[in-house]
Amino acid sequence: MQSKVNENHVFVVTQEGHPVMLDRRLNYKVIKKMPGAKGSVRDALTVLAPGIDGADSKEVLITCGCDRFVRIYDPAQRHQHQVEIGQIYLK
């Protein structure tokens, strides 16, 4: 799915279940890998989340997998270990 902020960025999920961000200008080169998913991802969605205290909105990626976790990622983070904002277990 295409990014809502940058038209050259595309989000896909690999066979291992890792969401990645690709750049169309660089021949779909992986520019960010988002760890955290364990196994198959069944659905992914990008949304614009409102910023804190009236700040600009930022894009977040939401995934849901067979492990019953909904994970929320912030692709704008620089460090890979800070990309996952949180996860919620669905019972």
Protein backbone atom coordinates (compact mmCIF):
# COMPACT_ATOMS: atom_id res chain seq x y z
CA MET A 1 0.00 0.00 0.00
CA GLN A 2 1.18 3.51 -0.72
CA SER A 3 2.23 5.94 1.97
CA LYS A 4 -0.16 8.77 2.77
CA VAL A 5 2.70 11.20 3.47
CA ASN A 6 5.28 10.41 0.78
CA GLU A 7 4.02 9.21 -2.60
CA ASN A 8 7.35 7.46 -3.32
CA HIS A 9 7.13 5.15 -0.28
CA VAL A 10 5.28 1.83 -0.39
CA PHE A 11 4.59 -0.55 2.51
CA VAL A 12 4.62 -4.33 1.96
CA VAL A 13 4.93 -7.39 4.19
CA THR A 14 7.62 -10.00 3.47
CA GLN A 15 7.11 -13.77 3.53
CA GLU A 16 8.56 -13.83 7.04
CA GLY A 17 5.87 -11.40 8.23
CA HIS A 18 8.04 -8.29 8.54
CA PRO A 19 6.52 -5.01 7.34
CA VAL A 20 9.02 -3.06 5.23
CA MET A 21 9.01 0.33 3.57
CA LEU A 22 10.21 0.50 -0.05
CA ASP A 23 11.20 3.52 -2.11
CA ARG A 24 9.85 3.61 -5.67
CA ARG A 25 12.54 6.06 -6.83
CA LEU A 26 15.27 3.58 -5.85
CA ASN A 27 13.75 0.67 -7.82
CA TYR A 28 11.75 -0.53 -4.79
CA LYS A 29 14.76 -0.78 -2.48
CA VAL A 30 14.04 -1.57 1.19
CA ILE A 31 14.66 1.61 3.17
CA LYS A 32 13.16 0.56 6.52
CA LYS A 33 12.38 -2.80 8.11
CA MET A 34 9.92 -2.83 10.98
CA PRO A 35 10.57 -5.69 13.42
CA GLY A 36 8.09 -7.11 15.86
CA ALA A 37 5.72 -9.26 13.83
CA LYS A 38 5.93 -12.97 14.54
CA GLY A 39 4.61 -14.92 11.59
CA SER A 40 1.91 -14.23 9.07
CA VAL A 41 0.44 -10.72 8.74
CA ARG A 42 -3.17 -10.87 7.52
CA ASP A 43 -3.96 -7.17 7.16
CA ALA A 44 -2.10 -3.87 7.09
CA LEU A 45 -3.35 -0.30 7.09
CA THR A 46 -1.76 3.15 7.05
CA VAL A 47 -3.50 6.01 8.83
CA LEU A 48 -2.70 9.59 9.69
CA ALA A 49 -2.69 9.92 13.48
CA PRO A 50 -3.25 13.38 14.96
CA GLY A 51 -0.22 14.91 16.60
CA ILE A 52 0.04 15.71 20.29
CA ASP A 53 -0.96 19.26 21.35
CA GLY A 54 -2.13 20.24 17.88
CA ALA A 55 1.11 19.25 16.17
CA ASP A 56 1.10 17.98 12.60
CA SER A 57 -0.36 14.55 12.06
CA LYS A 58 2.01 11.65 11.42
CA GLU A 59 1.60 8.43 9.53
CA VAL A 60 1.41 5.12 11.38
CA LEU A 61 1.26 1.58 10.04
CA ILE A 62 -1.11 -0.88 11.72
CA THR A 63 -0.80 -4.64 11.16
CA CYS A 64 -2.75 -7.62 12.41
CA GLY A 65 -1.46 -11.18 12.23
CA CYS A 66 -2.35 -14.76 12.94
CA ASP A 67 -0.70 -14.44 16.36
CA ARG A 68 -3.70 -12.20 17.28
CA PHE A 69 -1.58 -9.11 17.94
CA VAL A 70 -2.36 -5.72 16.46
CA ARG A 71 0.93 -3.84 16.13
CA ILE A 72 1.34 -0.12 15.55
CA TYR A 73 4.48 1.21 13.87
CA ASP A 74 5.87 4.72 13.39
CA PRO A 75 7.90 4.56 10.16
CA ALA A 76 9.31 8.06 10.75
CA GLN A 77 11.52 6.87 13.65
CA ARG A 78 15.22 6.68 12.87
CA HIS A 79 16.19 3.77 15.11
CA GLN A 80 14.80 0.37 14.21
CA HIS A 81 14.12 -0.65 17.81
CA GLN A 82 11.89 2.44 18.30
CA VAL A 83 9.70 1.88 15.23
CA GLU A 84 7.11 -0.28 17.03
CA ILE A 85 4.92 2.02 19.11
CA GLY A 86 2.84 -0.68 20.75
CA GLN A 87 0.97 -3.92 20.43
CA ILE A 88 -2.42 -5.13 21.58
CA TYR A 89 -3.45 -8.76 22.06
CA LEU A 90 -6.92 -9.61 20.75
CA LYS A 91 -8.54 -12.37 22.77
